[in-house]
N, C-alpha and C. Protein backbone atom coordinates (compact mmCIF):
# COMPACT_ATOMS: atom_id res chain seq x y z
N MET A 1 18.34 6.76 38.34
CA MET A 1 18.19 5.59 37.49
C MET A 1 18.07 4.31 38.33
N LYS A 2 17.84 4.46 39.62
CA LYS A 2 17.66 3.29 40.48
C LYS A 2 16.39 2.57 40.09
N LYS A 3 16.50 1.27 39.97
CA LYS A 3 15.36 0.44 39.66
C LYS A 3 15.19 -0.58 40.78
N LEU A 4 13.99 -1.09 40.91
CA LEU A 4 13.76 -2.13 41.90
C LEU A 4 14.19 -3.49 41.37
N TYR A 5 13.95 -3.72 40.08
CA TYR A 5 14.24 -5.02 39.48
C TYR A 5 14.94 -4.84 38.14
N TYR A 6 15.83 -5.78 37.84
CA TYR A 6 16.58 -5.76 36.60
C TYR A 6 16.40 -7.10 35.88
N SER A 7 16.37 -7.06 34.56
CA SER A 7 16.29 -8.29 33.77
C SER A 7 17.68 -8.92 33.70
N ILE A 8 17.74 -10.15 33.25
CA ILE A 8 19.02 -10.84 33.14
C ILE A 8 19.92 -10.13 32.13
N GLY A 9 19.33 -9.57 31.08
CA GLY A 9 20.10 -8.82 30.09
C GLY A 9 20.72 -7.56 30.68
N GLU A 10 19.95 -6.87 31.51
CA GLU A 10 20.47 -5.66 32.17
C GLU A 10 21.59 -6.02 33.14
N VAL A 11 21.42 -7.13 33.86
CA VAL A 11 22.45 -7.56 34.80
C VAL A 11 23.73 -7.92 34.04
N THR A 12 23.59 -8.54 32.89
CA THR A 12 24.75 -8.87 32.06
C THR A 12 25.48 -7.60 31.65
N LYS A 13 24.74 -6.58 31.23
CA LYS A 13 25.38 -5.32 30.82
C LYS A 13 26.04 -4.61 31.99
N ILE A 14 25.41 -4.65 33.14
CA ILE A 14 25.94 -3.97 34.33
C ILE A 14 27.19 -4.68 34.86
N THR A 15 27.14 -6.02 34.91
CA THR A 15 28.21 -6.77 35.57
C THR A 15 29.26 -7.34 34.61
N GLY A 16 28.89 -7.51 33.36
CA GLY A 16 29.81 -8.14 32.41
C GLY A 16 29.83 -9.65 32.54
N VAL A 17 28.86 -10.22 33.25
CA VAL A 17 28.76 -11.67 33.42
C VAL A 17 27.68 -12.19 32.47
N GLU A 18 28.03 -13.16 31.66
CA GLU A 18 27.11 -13.70 30.66
C GLU A 18 25.90 -14.39 31.31
N PRO A 19 24.75 -14.37 30.61
CA PRO A 19 23.53 -14.97 31.17
C PRO A 19 23.69 -16.45 31.56
N HIS A 20 24.40 -17.24 30.75
CA HIS A 20 24.54 -18.66 31.09
C HIS A 20 25.35 -18.83 32.38
N VAL A 21 26.28 -17.93 32.63
CA VAL A 21 27.06 -17.98 33.87
C VAL A 21 26.17 -17.60 35.05
N LEU A 22 25.34 -16.57 34.86
CA LEU A 22 24.40 -16.16 35.92
C LEU A 22 23.48 -17.32 36.29
N ARG A 23 22.95 -18.00 35.28
CA ARG A 23 22.04 -19.11 35.55
C ARG A 23 22.77 -20.25 36.28
N TYR A 24 24.02 -20.51 35.89
CA TYR A 24 24.80 -21.54 36.56
C TYR A 24 25.06 -21.15 38.02
N TRP A 25 25.48 -19.91 38.24
CA TRP A 25 25.76 -19.45 39.60
C TRP A 25 24.52 -19.55 40.48
N GLU A 26 23.33 -19.33 39.91
CA GLU A 26 22.10 -19.46 40.70
C GLU A 26 21.95 -20.88 41.25
N LYS A 27 22.37 -21.86 40.45
CA LYS A 27 22.26 -23.25 40.89
C LYS A 27 23.30 -23.60 41.95
N VAL A 28 24.47 -22.97 41.87
CA VAL A 28 25.58 -23.33 42.73
C VAL A 28 25.59 -22.53 44.04
N PHE A 29 25.22 -21.26 43.97
CA PHE A 29 25.31 -20.38 45.13
C PHE A 29 23.91 -20.00 45.64
N PRO A 30 23.53 -20.49 46.81
CA PRO A 30 22.20 -20.15 47.34
C PRO A 30 22.03 -18.66 47.62
N GLN A 31 23.15 -17.93 47.77
CA GLN A 31 23.07 -16.49 48.03
C GLN A 31 22.53 -15.73 46.82
N LEU A 32 22.62 -16.33 45.65
CA LEU A 32 22.12 -15.70 44.42
C LEU A 32 20.82 -16.38 44.03
N SER A 33 19.72 -15.73 44.36
CA SER A 33 18.42 -16.35 44.07
C SER A 33 17.43 -15.30 43.59
N PRO A 34 17.55 -14.89 42.33
CA PRO A 34 16.58 -13.91 41.81
C PRO A 34 15.19 -14.54 41.74
N SER A 35 14.17 -13.72 41.94
CA SER A 35 12.82 -14.24 41.80
C SER A 35 12.43 -14.21 40.33
N LYS A 36 11.24 -14.71 40.08
CA LYS A 36 10.74 -14.69 38.71
C LYS A 36 9.43 -13.92 38.69
N ASN A 37 9.21 -13.19 37.59
CA ASN A 37 7.97 -12.43 37.46
C ASN A 37 6.86 -13.34 36.96
N LYS A 38 5.71 -12.77 36.70
CA LYS A 38 4.55 -13.57 36.27
C LYS A 38 4.80 -14.29 34.96
N ALA A 39 5.66 -13.73 34.12
CA ALA A 39 5.98 -14.35 32.84
C ALA A 39 7.07 -15.42 32.97
N GLY A 40 7.57 -15.61 34.19
CA GLY A 40 8.59 -16.61 34.42
C GLY A 40 10.01 -16.13 34.15
N LYS A 41 10.17 -14.82 33.92
CA LYS A 41 11.50 -14.24 33.66
C LYS A 41 12.16 -13.89 34.99
N ARG A 42 13.47 -14.07 35.03
CA ARG A 42 14.23 -13.72 36.23
C ARG A 42 14.21 -12.22 36.44
N VAL A 43 14.06 -11.82 37.69
CA VAL A 43 14.17 -10.40 38.06
C VAL A 43 15.17 -10.29 39.20
N TYR A 44 16.18 -9.47 38.97
CA TYR A 44 17.28 -9.32 39.93
C TYR A 44 17.11 -8.02 40.70
N THR A 45 17.44 -8.08 41.98
CA THR A 45 17.42 -6.89 42.84
C THR A 45 18.84 -6.35 42.95
N ASP A 46 18.98 -5.19 43.58
CA ASP A 46 20.32 -4.62 43.82
C ASP A 46 21.17 -5.61 44.62
N LYS A 47 20.56 -6.27 45.59
CA LYS A 47 21.29 -7.24 46.41
C LYS A 47 21.79 -8.39 45.55
N ASN A 48 20.97 -8.87 44.61
CA ASN A 48 21.40 -9.93 43.70
C ASN A 48 22.59 -9.46 42.86
N ILE A 49 22.53 -8.22 42.39
CA ILE A 49 23.61 -7.69 41.56
C ILE A 49 24.89 -7.55 42.38
N GLN A 50 24.76 -7.16 43.63
CA GLN A 50 25.94 -7.09 44.50
C GLN A 50 26.57 -8.48 44.67
N THR A 51 25.72 -9.49 44.81
CA THR A 51 26.22 -10.85 44.93
C THR A 51 26.93 -11.28 43.65
N VAL A 52 26.37 -10.94 42.50
CA VAL A 52 27.01 -11.26 41.22
C VAL A 52 28.37 -10.58 41.13
N MET A 53 28.43 -9.30 41.52
CA MET A 53 29.70 -8.57 41.46
C MET A 53 30.73 -9.22 42.39
N GLU A 54 30.29 -9.64 43.55
CA GLU A 54 31.20 -10.28 44.48
C GLU A 54 31.69 -11.62 43.94
N LEU A 55 30.78 -12.40 43.37
CA LEU A 55 31.17 -13.67 42.77
C LEU A 55 32.13 -13.46 41.61
N LYS A 56 31.86 -12.45 40.81
CA LYS A 56 32.74 -12.15 39.68
C LYS A 56 34.15 -11.82 40.19
N THR A 57 34.23 -11.02 41.24
CA THR A 57 35.53 -10.68 41.81
C THR A 57 36.24 -11.93 42.31
N LEU A 58 35.52 -12.77 43.04
CA LEU A 58 36.13 -13.97 43.60
C LEU A 58 36.56 -14.96 42.52
N ILE A 59 35.67 -15.23 41.58
CA ILE A 59 35.91 -16.30 40.61
C ILE A 59 36.75 -15.84 39.43
N LYS A 60 36.40 -14.72 38.86
CA LYS A 60 37.10 -14.28 37.64
C LYS A 60 38.37 -13.49 37.94
N ASP A 61 38.34 -12.60 38.93
CA ASP A 61 39.50 -11.76 39.22
C ASP A 61 40.50 -12.46 40.14
N LYS A 62 39.99 -13.03 41.24
CA LYS A 62 40.88 -13.66 42.22
C LYS A 62 41.12 -15.14 41.94
N LYS A 63 40.44 -15.65 40.92
CA LYS A 63 40.63 -17.05 40.46
C LYS A 63 40.26 -18.10 41.52
N TYR A 64 39.23 -17.81 42.33
CA TYR A 64 38.75 -18.79 43.30
C TYR A 64 38.02 -19.90 42.54
N SER A 65 38.09 -21.10 43.09
CA SER A 65 37.25 -22.18 42.57
C SER A 65 35.83 -21.94 43.08
N THR A 66 34.89 -22.71 42.57
CA THR A 66 33.51 -22.59 43.05
C THR A 66 33.45 -22.88 44.55
N ALA A 67 34.15 -23.93 44.96
CA ALA A 67 34.16 -24.29 46.39
C ALA A 67 34.80 -23.17 47.21
N GLY A 68 35.87 -22.59 46.71
CA GLY A 68 36.54 -21.49 47.41
C GLY A 68 35.66 -20.27 47.52
N ALA A 69 34.91 -19.98 46.46
CA ALA A 69 34.00 -18.83 46.48
C ALA A 69 32.87 -19.07 47.48
N LYS A 70 32.37 -20.31 47.54
CA LYS A 70 31.33 -20.64 48.52
C LYS A 70 31.84 -20.40 49.94
N LYS A 71 33.06 -20.86 50.18
CA LYS A 71 33.66 -20.70 51.50
C LYS A 71 33.85 -19.22 51.83
N ALA A 72 34.32 -18.46 50.86
CA ALA A 72 34.53 -17.02 51.08
C ALA A 72 33.21 -16.32 51.39
N LEU A 73 32.14 -16.69 50.69
CA LEU A 73 30.83 -16.08 50.95
C LEU A 73 30.33 -16.45 52.35
N ARG A 74 30.56 -17.68 52.76
CA ARG A 74 30.16 -18.10 54.11
C ARG A 74 30.93 -17.32 55.17
N GLN A 75 32.23 -17.16 54.96
CA GLN A 75 33.05 -16.42 55.92
C GLN A 75 32.64 -14.95 55.96
N LYS A 76 32.30 -14.40 54.81
CA LYS A 76 31.86 -13.01 54.75
C LYS A 76 30.60 -12.82 55.59
N LYS A 77 29.74 -13.80 55.55
CA LYS A 77 28.49 -13.72 56.29
C LYS A 77 28.75 -13.67 57.80
N GLN A 78 29.87 -14.24 58.22
CA GLN A 78 30.21 -14.28 59.64
C GLN A 78 30.87 -13.00 60.13
N SER A 79 31.34 -12.16 59.22
CA SER A 79 31.98 -10.89 59.62
C SER A 79 31.21 -9.72 59.01
N PRO A 80 30.11 -9.27 59.67
CA PRO A 80 29.22 -8.26 59.10
C PRO A 80 29.86 -6.88 58.88
N ASP A 81 30.85 -6.46 59.68
CA ASP A 81 31.46 -5.14 59.48
C ASP A 81 32.16 -5.08 58.13
N LYS A 82 32.91 -6.11 57.83
CA LYS A 82 33.59 -6.18 56.56
C LYS A 82 32.57 -6.27 55.42
N GLU A 83 31.49 -6.97 55.67
CA GLU A 83 30.44 -7.13 54.67
C GLU A 83 29.84 -5.78 54.29
N ASP A 84 29.61 -4.91 55.27
CA ASP A 84 29.05 -3.60 54.98
C ASP A 84 29.97 -2.80 54.05
N GLU A 85 31.26 -2.84 54.32
CA GLU A 85 32.22 -2.13 53.48
C GLU A 85 32.25 -2.71 52.07
N ILE A 86 32.24 -4.02 51.97
CA ILE A 86 32.22 -4.68 50.66
C ILE A 86 30.96 -4.31 49.91
N ASN A 87 29.81 -4.34 50.59
CA ASN A 87 28.54 -4.01 49.94
C ASN A 87 28.52 -2.58 49.44
N LYS A 88 29.09 -1.66 50.22
CA LYS A 88 29.15 -0.27 49.79
C LYS A 88 29.99 -0.13 48.51
N ARG A 89 31.13 -0.81 48.50
CA ARG A 89 32.00 -0.75 47.32
C ARG A 89 31.34 -1.39 46.10
N LEU A 90 30.68 -2.53 46.31
CA LEU A 90 30.01 -3.20 45.20
C LEU A 90 28.85 -2.36 44.68
N SER A 91 28.13 -1.72 45.59
CA SER A 91 27.03 -0.86 45.18
C SER A 91 27.54 0.33 44.37
N LEU A 92 28.63 0.92 44.82
CA LEU A 92 29.22 2.04 44.09
C LEU A 92 29.68 1.58 42.71
N LYS A 93 30.32 0.42 42.65
CA LYS A 93 30.80 -0.11 41.37
C LYS A 93 29.62 -0.35 40.42
N LYS A 94 28.53 -0.92 40.95
CA LYS A 94 27.34 -1.17 40.13
C LYS A 94 26.76 0.14 39.63
N ASP A 95 26.68 1.13 40.50
CA ASP A 95 26.15 2.44 40.10
C ASP A 95 26.99 3.06 39.01
N LEU A 96 28.30 2.98 39.15
CA LEU A 96 29.20 3.54 38.13
C LEU A 96 29.06 2.81 36.80
N GLN A 97 28.87 1.49 36.85
CA GLN A 97 28.69 0.74 35.62
C GLN A 97 27.37 1.08 34.96
N GLU A 98 26.33 1.34 35.75
CA GLU A 98 25.05 1.77 35.20
C GLU A 98 25.19 3.13 34.51
N ILE A 99 25.91 4.03 35.15
CA ILE A 99 26.13 5.36 34.57
C ILE A 99 26.91 5.22 33.27
N LYS A 100 27.92 4.38 33.26
CA LYS A 100 28.72 4.15 32.05
C LYS A 100 27.82 3.63 30.93
N LEU A 101 26.95 2.68 31.25
CA LEU A 101 26.04 2.11 30.27
C LEU A 101 25.09 3.18 29.74
N LEU A 102 24.57 4.02 30.64
CA LEU A 102 23.67 5.09 30.23
C LEU A 102 24.39 6.07 29.31
N LEU A 103 25.61 6.46 29.66
CA LEU A 103 26.38 7.39 28.83
C LEU A 103 26.68 6.77 27.46
N LYS A 104 26.94 5.48 27.44
CA LYS A 104 27.21 4.80 26.17
C LYS A 104 25.97 4.85 25.28
N ARG A 105 24.80 4.60 25.88
CA ARG A 105 23.54 4.65 25.11
C ARG A 105 23.29 6.06 24.56
N ILE A 106 23.55 7.07 25.40
CA ILE A 106 23.37 8.45 24.96
C ILE A 106 24.31 8.74 23.81
N HIS A 107 25.56 8.33 23.94
CA HIS A 107 26.56 8.57 22.89
C HIS A 107 26.15 7.89 21.58
N GLU A 108 25.62 6.69 21.65
CA GLU A 108 25.17 5.97 20.46
C GLU A 108 24.01 6.65 19.77
N ASN A 109 23.20 7.36 20.53
CA ASN A 109 22.03 8.04 19.96
C ASN A 109 22.32 9.43 19.43
N LEU A 110 23.56 9.88 19.57
CA LEU A 110 23.93 11.21 19.06
C LEU A 110 24.09 11.20 17.57
């Protein structure tokens, strides 16, 4: 079920972050920069989704301020070994959430 690009609605379902929050984070965090397709719609990559998951953890779970989250992302960039481990965990979490969403859709169609 790996996709190259995800819509903002799909990212919302995968991450649990509302579209208006995603759009706000795009303005505040340069690390989150989804491209737009020919129709002008945002298209998110796996890397973008990992960034969203990381921001969600920092801001919603750990209660970082926007400035604190920016600082944490900058520090993460400076320590690549830790970054690899974080990315693996975020990727696994995203994959599990996609599977959960798929199973939910299957269950609804029964």
